[in-house]
């Protein structure tokens, strides 16, 4: 009787071992497939978003200077940033994406017209509005701001600022340069008294 029980226990162990040997590779393959599938979906979404941005930028460029168009995009969780490098003749749409290893990498797509943005545009999962404004020879891409909001920025951040600092005001949900302070000793200074304004004042 003891021998029979031992034999049954051994058979159970053998069966359990076989099941484990089958389940582990299947689990690994499933995780790998899921990860690769998620990254493939992200790539497809990036291509779709790039096509939307490119198509809208083409329209704004074709309609002429100061044309402003708004695009609503549904961003997936894996896209964390969007950038349009301010280089002469730049047509790159650069996406900051998490790959299957969890690293932040660039996926670059190309538009048909020259694009730029004031630095990297942070992206939050979900629907977001993107504003594209024709400046004549290129298209500015921005996220909306609050109308009449003002701020001062250095030229190192806002490349279109030709001075040392510039005062920007939000008009029609887009930042517009209102004053340029050329001297390092006369910096853009905010005046928060209503109505808010800015001047070129000494430090």
N, C-alpha and C. Protein backbone atom coordinates (compact mmCIF):
# COMPACT_ATOMS: atom_id res chain seq x y z
N UNK A 1 0.83 -1.21 0.00
CA UNK A 1 0.00 0.00 0.00
C UNK A 1 0.87 1.26 0.00
N UNK A 2 1.92 1.22 0.81
CA UNK A 2 2.85 2.36 0.87
C UNK A 2 3.52 2.56 -0.48
N UNK A 3 3.87 1.42 -1.12
CA UNK A 3 4.55 1.49 -2.43
C UNK A 3 3.64 2.11 -3.47
N UNK A 4 2.34 1.76 -3.42
CA UNK A 4 1.37 2.31 -4.38
C UNK A 4 1.21 3.82 -4.19
N UNK A 5 1.11 4.25 -2.92
CA UNK A 5 0.99 5.68 -2.64
C UNK A 5 2.21 6.45 -3.12
N UNK A 6 3.39 5.85 -2.92
CA UNK A 6 4.63 6.50 -3.38
C UNK A 6 4.66 6.61 -4.89
N UNK A 7 4.16 5.55 -5.55
CA UNK A 7 4.13 5.57 -7.02
C UNK A 7 3.18 6.65 -7.53
N UNK A 8 2.00 6.77 -6.89
CA UNK A 8 1.03 7.80 -7.28
C UNK A 8 1.60 9.19 -7.07
N UNK A 9 2.27 9.41 -5.93
CA UNK A 9 2.89 10.71 -5.64
C UNK A 9 3.95 11.05 -6.67
N UNK A 10 4.73 10.03 -7.05
CA UNK A 10 5.77 10.25 -8.07
C UNK A 10 5.15 10.63 -9.40
N UNK A 11 4.06 9.96 -9.75
CA UNK A 11 3.38 10.26 -11.02
C UNK A 11 2.83 11.69 -11.02
N UNK A 12 2.27 12.10 -9.87
CA UNK A 12 1.79 13.48 -9.75
C UNK A 12 2.92 14.49 -9.94
N UNK A 13 4.08 14.19 -9.35
CA UNK A 13 5.24 15.08 -9.48
C UNK A 13 5.70 15.17 -10.93
N UNK A 14 5.70 14.00 -11.61
CA UNK A 14 6.11 13.98 -13.02
C UNK A 14 5.14 14.81 -13.87
N UNK A 15 3.83 14.63 -13.61
CA UNK A 15 2.81 15.39 -14.35
C UNK A 15 2.95 16.89 -14.08
N UNK A 16 3.15 17.23 -12.79
CA UNK A 16 3.32 18.64 -12.42
C UNK A 16 4.54 19.24 -13.10
N UNK A 17 5.62 18.46 -13.15
CA UNK A 17 6.85 18.93 -13.81
C UNK A 17 6.64 19.18 -15.29
N UNK A 18 5.89 18.25 -15.94
CA UNK A 18 5.61 18.42 -17.37
C UNK A 18 4.76 19.67 -17.62
N UNK A 19 3.75 19.87 -16.75
CA UNK A 19 2.88 21.06 -16.88
C UNK A 19 3.70 22.33 -16.74
N UNK A 20 4.60 22.35 -15.74
CA UNK A 20 5.45 23.54 -15.53
C UNK A 20 6.34 23.79 -16.74
N UNK A 21 6.92 22.71 -17.29
CA UNK A 21 7.78 22.85 -18.48
C UNK A 21 7.01 23.40 -19.68
N UNK A 22 5.73 23.10 -19.75
CA UNK A 22 4.90 23.60 -20.86
C UNK A 22 4.46 25.04 -20.60
N UNK A 23 4.04 25.32 -19.36
CA UNK A 23 3.47 26.63 -19.02
C UNK A 23 4.51 27.75 -19.07
N UNK A 24 5.72 27.51 -18.55
CA UNK A 24 6.74 28.57 -18.48
C UNK A 24 7.10 29.12 -19.86
N UNK A 25 7.44 28.27 -20.86
CA UNK A 25 7.74 28.83 -22.19
C UNK A 25 6.56 29.57 -22.81
N UNK A 26 5.33 29.03 -22.57
CA UNK A 26 4.14 29.70 -23.12
C UNK A 26 3.97 31.09 -22.50
N UNK A 27 4.21 31.18 -21.18
CA UNK A 27 4.10 32.46 -20.48
C UNK A 27 5.11 33.45 -21.01
N UNK A 28 6.36 32.98 -21.20
CA UNK A 28 7.42 33.85 -21.72
C UNK A 28 7.07 34.35 -23.12
N UNK A 29 6.58 33.42 -23.96
CA UNK A 29 6.19 33.80 -25.32
C UNK A 29 5.04 34.80 -25.31
N UNK A 30 4.10 34.62 -24.39
CA UNK A 30 2.95 35.53 -24.29
C UNK A 30 3.39 36.94 -23.90
N UNK A 31 4.29 37.01 -22.88
CA UNK A 31 4.79 38.33 -22.45
C UNK A 31 5.55 39.02 -23.56
N UNK A 32 6.40 38.24 -24.25
CA UNK A 32 7.18 38.80 -25.36
C UNK A 32 6.28 39.27 -26.49
N UNK A 33 5.27 38.44 -26.82
CA UNK A 33 4.35 38.80 -27.90
C UNK A 33 3.55 40.05 -27.54
N UNK A 34 3.07 40.11 -26.28
CA UNK A 34 2.29 41.26 -25.84
C UNK A 34 3.10 42.54 -25.90
N UNK A 35 4.38 42.46 -25.45
CA UNK A 35 5.26 43.62 -25.47
C UNK A 35 5.52 44.09 -26.89
N UNK A 36 5.82 43.14 -27.78
CA UNK A 36 6.07 43.49 -29.18
C UNK A 36 4.80 44.02 -29.84
N UNK A 37 3.66 43.45 -29.47
CA UNK A 37 2.39 43.90 -30.04
C UNK A 37 2.08 45.33 -29.60
N UNK A 38 2.32 45.64 -28.31
CA UNK A 38 2.09 47.00 -27.80
C UNK A 38 2.97 48.00 -28.53
N UNK A 39 4.25 47.64 -28.77
CA UNK A 39 5.17 48.55 -29.45
C UNK A 39 4.76 48.74 -30.91
N UNK A 40 4.26 47.67 -31.53
CA UNK A 40 3.78 47.77 -32.92
C UNK A 40 2.57 48.70 -33.00
N UNK A 41 1.68 48.60 -31.99
CA UNK A 41 0.51 49.48 -31.94
C UNK A 41 0.94 50.93 -31.76
N UNK A 42 1.96 51.15 -30.88
CA UNK A 42 2.48 52.51 -30.68
C UNK A 42 3.05 53.06 -31.97
N UNK A 43 3.80 52.25 -32.70
CA UNK A 43 4.37 52.69 -33.98
C UNK A 43 3.28 53.08 -34.96
N UNK A 44 2.22 52.28 -34.98
CA UNK A 44 1.10 52.57 -35.89
C UNK A 44 0.42 53.87 -35.48
N UNK A 45 0.28 54.10 -34.17
CA UNK A 45 -0.35 55.32 -33.67
C UNK A 45 0.53 56.53 -33.98
N UNK A 46 1.84 56.38 -33.83
CA UNK A 46 2.78 57.46 -34.14
C UNK A 46 2.66 57.85 -35.61
N UNK A 47 2.59 56.86 -36.49
CA UNK A 47 2.46 57.13 -37.92
C UNK A 47 1.15 57.87 -38.20
N UNK A 48 0.08 57.45 -37.55
CA UNK A 48 -1.23 58.09 -37.74
C UNK A 48 -1.21 59.54 -37.26
N UNK A 49 -0.62 59.79 -36.08
CA UNK A 49 -0.54 61.16 -35.55
C UNK A 49 0.33 62.03 -36.44
N UNK A 50 1.47 61.48 -36.89
CA UNK A 50 2.37 62.23 -37.78
C UNK A 50 1.67 62.62 -39.06
N UNK A 51 0.86 61.71 -39.59
CA UNK A 51 0.11 62.01 -40.82
C UNK A 51 -0.91 63.13 -40.58
N UNK A 52 -1.58 63.10 -39.41
CA UNK A 52 -2.55 64.15 -39.08
C UNK A 52 -1.87 65.51 -38.96
N UNK A 53 -0.73 65.54 -38.26
CA UNK A 53 0.00 66.80 -38.08
C UNK A 53 0.51 67.31 -39.43
N UNK A 54 1.06 66.42 -40.23
CA UNK A 54 1.59 66.80 -41.54
C UNK A 54 0.49 67.34 -42.44
N UNK A 55 -0.66 66.68 -42.46
CA UNK A 55 -1.77 67.10 -43.31
C UNK A 55 -2.29 68.49 -42.89
N UNK A 56 -2.43 68.70 -41.57
CA UNK A 56 -2.91 69.99 -41.08
C UNK A 56 -1.89 71.09 -41.30
N UNK A 57 -0.61 70.77 -41.12
CA UNK A 57 0.47 71.74 -41.37
C UNK A 57 0.49 72.14 -42.85
N UNK A 58 0.28 71.19 -43.73
CA UNK A 58 0.22 71.49 -45.17
C UNK A 58 -0.89 72.48 -45.47
N UNK A 59 -2.05 72.29 -44.82
CA UNK A 59 -3.20 73.18 -45.04
C UNK A 59 -2.88 74.58 -44.55
N UNK A 60 -2.32 74.68 -43.32
CA UNK A 60 -1.98 76.00 -42.76
C UNK A 60 -0.95 76.71 -43.65
N UNK A 61 0.02 75.96 -44.13
CA UNK A 61 1.07 76.54 -45.00
C UNK A 61 0.46 77.01 -46.32
N UNK A 62 -0.44 76.20 -46.87
CA UNK A 62 -1.05 76.54 -48.17
C UNK A 62 -1.94 77.77 -48.08
N UNK A 63 -2.66 77.94 -46.95
CA UNK A 63 -3.55 79.08 -46.79
C UNK A 63 -2.81 80.39 -46.58
N UNK A 64 -1.53 80.31 -46.19
CA UNK A 64 -0.72 81.51 -46.09
C UNK A 64 -0.41 81.95 -44.66
N UNK A 65 0.45 82.95 -44.56
CA UNK A 65 0.93 83.44 -43.26
C UNK A 65 -0.22 83.85 -42.34
N UNK A 66 -0.03 83.54 -41.05
CA UNK A 66 -0.97 83.83 -39.95
C UNK A 66 -2.19 82.91 -39.93
N UNK A 67 -2.26 81.97 -40.86
CA UNK A 67 -3.34 80.98 -40.78
C UNK A 67 -3.10 80.08 -39.57
N UNK A 68 -4.13 79.88 -38.78
CA UNK A 68 -4.01 79.07 -37.57
C UNK A 68 -5.08 77.98 -37.58
N UNK A 69 -4.65 76.73 -37.46
CA UNK A 69 -5.56 75.60 -37.45
C UNK A 69 -5.37 74.79 -36.17
N UNK A 70 -6.45 74.21 -35.68
CA UNK A 70 -6.40 73.41 -34.46
C UNK A 70 -6.66 71.95 -34.77
N UNK A 71 -5.87 71.10 -34.15
CA UNK A 71 -5.96 69.66 -34.36
C UNK A 71 -6.13 68.99 -33.01
N UNK A 72 -7.10 68.10 -32.88
CA UNK A 72 -7.28 67.34 -31.63
C UNK A 72 -6.75 65.93 -31.83
N UNK A 73 -5.83 65.54 -30.95
CA UNK A 73 -5.16 64.24 -31.08
C UNK A 73 -5.36 63.43 -29.81
N UNK A 74 -5.63 62.15 -29.97
CA UNK A 74 -5.76 61.23 -28.85
C UNK A 74 -4.42 60.51 -28.67
N UNK A 75 -3.66 60.92 -27.65
CA UNK A 75 -2.33 60.36 -27.44
C UNK A 75 -2.38 59.12 -26.55
N UNK A 76 -1.68 58.06 -26.95
CA UNK A 76 -1.58 56.87 -26.09
C UNK A 76 -0.58 57.12 -24.95
N UNK A 77 -0.61 56.26 -23.95
CA UNK A 77 0.23 56.42 -22.76
C UNK A 77 1.72 56.34 -23.10
N UNK A 78 2.07 55.58 -24.14
CA UNK A 78 3.49 55.34 -24.45
C UNK A 78 4.19 56.54 -25.08
N UNK A 79 3.43 57.52 -25.60
CA UNK A 79 4.03 58.72 -26.17
C UNK A 79 4.12 59.78 -25.08
N UNK A 80 5.35 60.20 -24.76
CA UNK A 80 5.55 61.12 -23.64
C UNK A 80 5.95 62.54 -24.07
N UNK A 81 6.36 62.70 -25.31
CA UNK A 81 6.78 64.02 -25.75
C UNK A 81 6.74 64.15 -27.26
N UNK A 82 6.71 65.40 -27.71
CA UNK A 82 6.62 65.71 -29.13
C UNK A 82 7.52 66.90 -29.39
N UNK A 83 8.35 66.84 -30.42
CA UNK A 83 9.31 67.92 -30.67
C UNK A 83 9.47 68.16 -32.16
N UNK A 84 9.64 69.43 -32.49
CA UNK A 84 9.88 69.85 -33.87
C UNK A 84 11.14 70.70 -33.85
N UNK A 85 12.31 70.10 -34.02
CA UNK A 85 13.59 70.84 -33.86
C UNK A 85 13.63 72.10 -34.71
N UNK A 86 14.09 73.20 -34.09
CA UNK A 86 14.13 74.48 -34.80
C UNK A 86 15.44 74.60 -35.58
N UNK A 87 15.54 73.80 -36.64
CA UNK A 87 16.67 73.85 -37.56
C UNK A 87 16.17 74.33 -38.92
N UNK A 88 17.00 75.06 -39.66
CA UNK A 88 16.56 75.52 -40.99
C UNK A 88 16.12 74.35 -41.86
N UNK A 89 14.93 74.45 -42.42
CA UNK A 89 14.44 73.40 -43.31
C UNK A 89 13.99 72.14 -42.60
N UNK A 90 13.78 72.22 -41.27
CA UNK A 90 13.38 71.01 -40.54
C UNK A 90 11.97 70.56 -40.90
N UNK A 91 11.84 69.29 -41.22
CA UNK A 91 10.54 68.68 -41.49
C UNK A 91 10.27 67.50 -40.55
N UNK A 92 11.14 67.34 -39.56
CA UNK A 92 11.03 66.20 -38.64
C UNK A 92 9.92 66.40 -37.62
N UNK A 93 9.19 65.33 -37.36
CA UNK A 93 8.25 65.25 -36.24
C UNK A 93 8.82 64.20 -35.31
N UNK A 94 9.34 64.62 -34.18
CA UNK A 94 10.08 63.71 -33.28
C UNK A 94 9.21 63.33 -32.08
N UNK A 95 8.94 62.05 -31.95
CA UNK A 95 8.14 61.53 -30.84
C UNK A 95 9.05 60.92 -29.78
N UNK A 96 8.79 61.24 -28.51
CA UNK A 96 9.48 60.60 -27.38
C UNK A 96 8.60 59.45 -26.91
N UNK A 97 9.09 58.21 -27.08
CA UNK A 97 8.27 57.02 -26.87
C UNK A 97 8.98 56.02 -25.96
N UNK A 98 8.20 55.34 -25.11
CA UNK A 98 8.73 54.24 -24.31
C UNK A 98 8.73 52.97 -25.15
N UNK A 99 9.91 52.34 -25.30
CA UNK A 99 9.97 51.10 -26.06
C UNK A 99 9.65 49.91 -25.17
N UNK A 100 9.77 48.70 -25.70
CA UNK A 100 9.36 47.51 -24.94
C UNK A 100 10.30 47.21 -23.76
N UNK A 101 11.50 47.83 -23.75
CA UNK A 101 12.40 47.70 -22.61
C UNK A 101 12.15 48.77 -21.55
N UNK A 102 11.24 49.70 -21.86
CA UNK A 102 10.93 50.78 -20.92
C UNK A 102 11.82 51.99 -21.08
N UNK A 103 12.69 52.00 -22.12
CA UNK A 103 13.58 53.14 -22.35
C UNK A 103 12.87 54.20 -23.19
N UNK A 104 13.24 55.48 -22.95
CA UNK A 104 12.67 56.58 -23.73
C UNK A 104 13.50 56.76 -25.00
N UNK A 105 12.87 56.57 -26.15
CA UNK A 105 13.57 56.64 -27.44
C UNK A 105 12.85 57.60 -28.38
N UNK A 106 13.53 57.99 -29.44
CA UNK A 106 12.95 58.88 -30.45
C UNK A 106 12.43 58.06 -31.63
N UNK A 107 11.23 58.38 -32.07
CA UNK A 107 10.73 57.88 -33.36
C UNK A 107 10.49 59.12 -34.22
N UNK A 108 11.15 59.18 -35.36
CA UNK A 108 11.10 60.39 -36.20
C UNK A 108 10.32 60.12 -37.48
N UNK A 109 9.35 60.98 -37.74
CA UNK A 109 8.58 60.96 -38.99
C UNK A 109 8.81 62.28 -39.71
N UNK A 110 8.50 62.31 -41.00
CA UNK A 110 8.73 63.52 -41.79
C UNK A 110 7.43 64.12 -42.30
N UNK A 111 7.37 65.46 -42.24
CA UNK A 111 6.24 66.20 -42.82
C UNK A 111 6.67 66.72 -44.19
N UNK A 112 5.75 67.39 -44.86
CA UNK A 112 6.05 67.92 -46.20
C UNK A 112 6.47 69.38 -46.16
N UNK A 113 6.19 70.07 -45.04
CA UNK A 113 6.56 71.49 -44.92
C UNK A 113 7.47 71.67 -43.71
N UNK A 114 8.12 72.82 -43.64
CA UNK A 114 9.03 73.11 -42.52
C UNK A 114 8.22 73.34 -41.24
N UNK A 115 8.64 72.68 -40.16
CA UNK A 115 7.95 72.77 -38.87
C UNK A 115 8.93 73.18 -37.78
N UNK A 116 8.40 73.79 -36.71
CA UNK A 116 9.22 74.02 -35.52
C UNK A 116 8.32 74.24 -34.32
N UNK A 117 8.89 74.08 -33.13
CA UNK A 117 8.18 74.34 -31.89
C UNK A 117 9.16 74.98 -30.92
N UNK A 118 8.62 75.61 -29.88
CA UNK A 118 9.47 76.22 -28.85
C UNK A 118 9.84 75.14 -27.82
N UNK A 119 10.79 74.29 -28.21
CA UNK A 119 11.20 73.23 -27.31
C UNK A 119 10.27 72.03 -27.40
N UNK A 120 10.51 71.06 -26.51
CA UNK A 120 9.72 69.84 -26.51
C UNK A 120 8.32 70.09 -25.94
N UNK A 121 7.32 69.50 -26.57
CA UNK A 121 5.94 69.60 -26.11
C UNK A 121 5.63 68.38 -25.24
N UNK A 122 5.41 68.58 -23.94
CA UNK A 122 5.06 67.43 -23.10
C UNK A 122 3.70 66.89 -23.46
N UNK A 123 3.56 65.58 -23.42
CA UNK A 123 2.31 64.95 -23.84
C UNK A 123 1.71 64.18 -22.66
N UNK A 124 0.41 64.38 -22.44
CA UNK A 124 -0.34 63.65 -21.43
C UNK A 124 -1.32 62.73 -22.15
N UNK A 125 -1.46 61.51 -21.65
CA UNK A 125 -2.36 60.55 -22.27
C UNK A 125 -3.78 61.10 -22.40
N UNK A 126 -4.38 60.86 -23.54
CA UNK A 126 -5.74 61.32 -23.77
C UNK A 126 -5.80 62.35 -24.89
N UNK A 127 -6.95 62.99 -25.04
CA UNK A 127 -7.15 63.95 -26.12
C UNK A 127 -6.55 65.30 -25.76
N UNK A 128 -5.75 65.84 -26.69
CA UNK A 128 -5.13 67.14 -26.50
C UNK A 128 -5.22 67.94 -27.79
N UNK A 129 -5.33 69.26 -27.64
CA UNK A 129 -5.37 70.13 -28.81
C UNK A 129 -3.96 70.57 -29.19
N UNK A 130 -3.67 70.52 -30.48
CA UNK A 130 -2.41 71.01 -31.02
C UNK A 130 -2.74 72.14 -31.99
N UNK A 131 -2.04 73.27 -31.84
CA UNK A 131 -2.28 74.43 -32.71
C UNK A 131 -1.14 74.57 -33.71
N UNK A 132 -1.48 74.72 -34.96
CA UNK A 132 -0.49 74.90 -36.03
C UNK A 132 -0.72 76.25 -36.69
N UNK A 133 0.31 77.09 -36.66
CA UNK A 133 0.19 78.45 -37.19
C UNK A 133 1.25 78.70 -38.26
N UNK A 134 0.81 79.15 -39.43
CA UNK A 134 1.73 79.44 -40.52
C UNK A 134 2.46 80.76 -40.27
N UNK A 135 3.79 80.72 -40.37
CA UNK A 135 4.59 81.94 -40.27
C UNK A 135 5.14 82.34 -41.64
N UNK A 136 4.54 81.79 -42.67
CA UNK A 136 4.96 82.12 -44.03
C UNK A 136 5.86 81.06 -44.63
N UNK A 137 7.08 80.94 -44.07
CA UNK A 137 8.03 79.97 -44.62
C UNK A 137 8.07 78.67 -43.83
N UNK A 138 7.35 78.62 -42.71
CA UNK A 138 7.31 77.42 -41.88
C UNK A 138 6.06 77.46 -40.99
N UNK A 139 5.81 76.35 -40.30
CA UNK A 139 4.61 76.24 -39.48
C UNK A 139 5.02 76.01 -38.02
N UNK A 140 4.48 76.85 -37.13
CA UNK A 140 4.74 76.74 -35.69
C UNK A 140 3.72 75.78 -35.09
N UNK A 141 4.23 74.83 -34.29
CA UNK A 141 3.36 73.86 -33.62
C UNK A 141 3.41 74.11 -32.11
N UNK A 142 2.23 74.31 -31.49
CA UNK A 142 2.17 74.63 -30.06
C UNK A 142 1.00 73.94 -29.39
N UNK A 143 1.09 73.82 -28.06
CA UNK A 143 -0.07 73.43 -27.28
C UNK A 143 -0.78 74.72 -26.87
N UNK A 144 -2.10 74.68 -26.69
CA UNK A 144 -2.83 75.91 -26.36
C UNK A 144 -2.41 76.51 -25.02
N UNK A 145 -2.46 77.83 -24.95
CA UNK A 145 -2.24 78.54 -23.69
C UNK A 145 -3.53 79.30 -23.36
N UNK A 146 -3.57 79.94 -22.20
CA UNK A 146 -4.76 80.69 -21.78
C UNK A 146 -4.70 82.11 -22.31
N UNK A 147 -5.74 82.55 -23.00
CA UNK A 147 -5.76 83.89 -23.60
C UNK A 147 -5.44 84.98 -22.58
N UNK A 148 -4.60 85.94 -23.03
CA UNK A 148 -4.14 87.10 -22.24
C UNK A 148 -3.11 86.75 -21.17
N UNK A 149 -2.75 85.48 -21.05
CA UNK A 149 -1.66 85.10 -20.14
C UNK A 149 -0.35 85.67 -20.69
N UNK A 150 0.53 86.12 -19.82
CA UNK A 150 1.81 86.68 -20.27
C UNK A 150 2.96 85.99 -19.56
N UNK A 151 4.12 86.04 -20.18
CA UNK A 151 5.32 85.52 -19.55
C UNK A 151 6.55 86.07 -20.24
N UNK A 152 7.68 86.06 -19.53
CA UNK A 152 8.97 86.48 -20.08
C UNK A 152 9.83 85.24 -20.28
N UNK A 153 10.51 85.17 -21.42
CA UNK A 153 11.37 84.02 -21.71
C UNK A 153 12.68 84.49 -22.30
N UNK A 154 13.74 83.74 -22.01
CA UNK A 154 15.05 84.01 -22.59
C UNK A 154 15.13 83.46 -24.01
N UNK A 155 15.99 84.06 -24.80
CA UNK A 155 16.14 83.63 -26.20
C UNK A 155 16.68 82.21 -26.29
N UNK A 156 17.36 81.73 -25.23
CA UNK A 156 17.88 80.37 -25.25
C UNK A 156 16.75 79.34 -25.25
N UNK A 157 15.56 79.75 -24.76
CA UNK A 157 14.41 78.85 -24.76
C UNK A 157 13.52 79.11 -25.97
N UNK A 158 13.21 80.40 -26.21
CA UNK A 158 12.40 80.77 -27.37
C UNK A 158 13.32 81.29 -28.46
N UNK A 159 13.63 80.40 -29.41
CA UNK A 159 14.62 80.73 -30.44
C UNK A 159 14.18 81.90 -31.32
N UNK A 160 12.88 82.14 -31.43
CA UNK A 160 12.40 83.25 -32.26
C UNK A 160 12.60 84.60 -31.58
N UNK A 161 12.97 84.59 -30.32
CA UNK A 161 13.28 85.83 -29.61
C UNK A 161 14.66 86.32 -30.07
N UNK A 162 14.70 87.46 -30.73
CA UNK A 162 15.95 87.96 -31.31
C UNK A 162 16.78 88.76 -30.31
N UNK A 163 16.22 89.06 -29.15
CA UNK A 163 16.96 89.79 -28.13
C UNK A 163 17.50 88.87 -27.06
N UNK A 164 17.80 89.44 -25.88
CA UNK A 164 18.25 88.62 -24.76
C UNK A 164 17.06 87.97 -24.09
N UNK A 165 15.99 88.74 -23.90
CA UNK A 165 14.72 88.22 -23.37
C UNK A 165 13.56 88.79 -24.18
N UNK A 166 12.42 88.13 -24.09
CA UNK A 166 11.23 88.59 -24.81
C UNK A 166 10.00 88.45 -23.92
N UNK A 167 9.03 89.35 -24.15
CA UNK A 167 7.75 89.25 -23.47
C UNK A 167 6.74 88.62 -24.40
N UNK A 168 6.07 87.57 -23.94
CA UNK A 168 5.10 86.86 -24.77
C UNK A 168 3.71 86.96 -24.17
N UNK A 169 2.73 87.07 -25.06
CA UNK A 169 1.34 87.13 -24.63
C UNK A 169 0.54 86.08 -25.40
N UNK A 170 -0.40 85.44 -24.69
CA UNK A 170 -1.22 84.43 -25.32
C UNK A 170 -2.38 85.09 -26.06
N UNK A 171 -2.41 84.90 -27.38
CA UNK A 171 -3.49 85.43 -28.22
C UNK A 171 -4.04 84.30 -29.08
N UNK A 172 -5.34 84.10 -29.00
CA UNK A 172 -5.98 83.00 -29.74
C UNK A 172 -5.32 81.66 -29.43
N UNK A 173 -4.97 81.49 -28.14
CA UNK A 173 -4.39 80.24 -27.61
C UNK A 173 -2.97 79.97 -28.11
N UNK A 174 -2.29 80.98 -28.63
CA UNK A 174 -0.91 80.82 -29.12
C UNK A 174 -0.03 81.91 -28.53
N UNK A 175 1.20 81.56 -28.13
CA UNK A 175 2.14 82.55 -27.62
C UNK A 175 2.66 83.44 -28.74
N UNK A 176 2.56 84.75 -28.53
CA UNK A 176 3.02 85.73 -29.51
C UNK A 176 4.03 86.66 -28.84
N UNK A 177 5.18 86.91 -29.50
CA UNK A 177 6.19 87.81 -28.95
C UNK A 177 5.70 89.25 -29.09
N UNK A 178 5.62 89.97 -27.96
CA UNK A 178 5.12 91.34 -27.94
C UNK A 178 6.24 92.37 -27.77
N UNK A 179 7.22 92.08 -26.95
CA UNK A 179 8.35 92.99 -26.79
C UNK A 179 9.65 92.19 -26.81
N UNK A 180 10.71 92.84 -27.29
CA UNK A 180 12.03 92.23 -27.32
C UNK A 180 12.99 93.12 -26.56
N UNK A 181 13.63 92.56 -25.55
CA UNK A 181 14.60 93.30 -24.74
C UNK A 181 16.00 92.87 -25.17
N UNK A 182 16.70 93.78 -25.86
CA UNK A 182 17.96 93.40 -26.49
C UNK A 182 19.17 93.46 -25.56
N UNK A 183 19.10 94.31 -24.55
CA UNK A 183 20.27 94.48 -23.68
C UNK A 183 20.22 93.54 -22.49
N UNK A 184 21.35 92.91 -22.14
CA UNK A 184 21.40 92.03 -20.96
C UNK A 184 21.05 92.77 -19.66
N UNK A 185 21.22 94.10 -19.66
CA UNK A 185 20.92 94.88 -18.45
C UNK A 185 19.46 95.31 -18.40
N UNK A 186 18.76 95.18 -19.52
CA UNK A 186 17.34 95.52 -19.58
C UNK A 186 16.55 94.26 -19.90
N UNK A 187 16.14 93.56 -18.86
CA UNK A 187 15.45 92.29 -19.01
C UNK A 187 13.93 92.48 -19.05
N UNK A 188 13.26 91.51 -19.66
CA UNK A 188 11.81 91.52 -19.65
C UNK A 188 11.32 91.36 -18.21
N UNK A 189 10.46 92.28 -17.80
CA UNK A 189 9.96 92.28 -16.43
C UNK A 189 8.43 92.26 -16.45
N UNK A 190 7.84 91.33 -15.69
CA UNK A 190 6.38 91.23 -15.62
C UNK A 190 5.81 92.21 -14.62
N UNK A 191 4.67 92.79 -15.00
CA UNK A 191 3.91 93.62 -14.08
C UNK A 191 2.57 92.93 -13.86
N UNK A 192 2.38 92.38 -12.67
CA UNK A 192 1.19 91.57 -12.40
C UNK A 192 -0.03 92.38 -11.98
N UNK A 193 0.15 93.72 -11.87
CA UNK A 193 -1.02 94.55 -11.54
C UNK A 193 -2.00 94.53 -12.71
N UNK A 194 -3.29 94.47 -12.41
CA UNK A 194 -4.27 94.42 -13.52
C UNK A 194 -4.30 95.72 -14.30
N UNK A 195 -4.32 95.66 -15.66
CA UNK A 195 -4.14 94.43 -16.42
C UNK A 195 -2.67 94.03 -16.45
N UNK A 196 -2.34 92.73 -16.45
CA UNK A 196 -0.94 92.29 -16.46
C UNK A 196 -0.22 92.77 -17.72
N UNK A 197 1.03 93.14 -17.56
CA UNK A 197 1.80 93.67 -18.68
C UNK A 197 3.28 93.38 -18.42
N UNK A 198 4.15 93.77 -19.35
CA UNK A 198 5.59 93.63 -19.15
C UNK A 198 6.33 94.78 -19.81
N UNK A 199 7.54 95.03 -19.31
CA UNK A 199 8.39 96.09 -19.87
C UNK A 199 9.81 95.59 -19.89
N UNK A 200 10.67 96.31 -20.59
CA UNK A 200 12.09 96.05 -20.55
C UNK A 200 12.69 96.90 -19.43
N UNK A 201 12.96 96.28 -18.30
CA UNK A 201 13.46 97.03 -17.15
C UNK A 201 14.80 96.51 -16.68
N UNK A 202 15.49 97.30 -15.85
CA UNK A 202 16.79 96.89 -15.33
C UNK A 202 16.59 95.87 -14.23
N UNK A 203 17.61 95.01 -14.08
CA UNK A 203 17.55 93.96 -13.06
C UNK A 203 17.65 94.56 -11.66
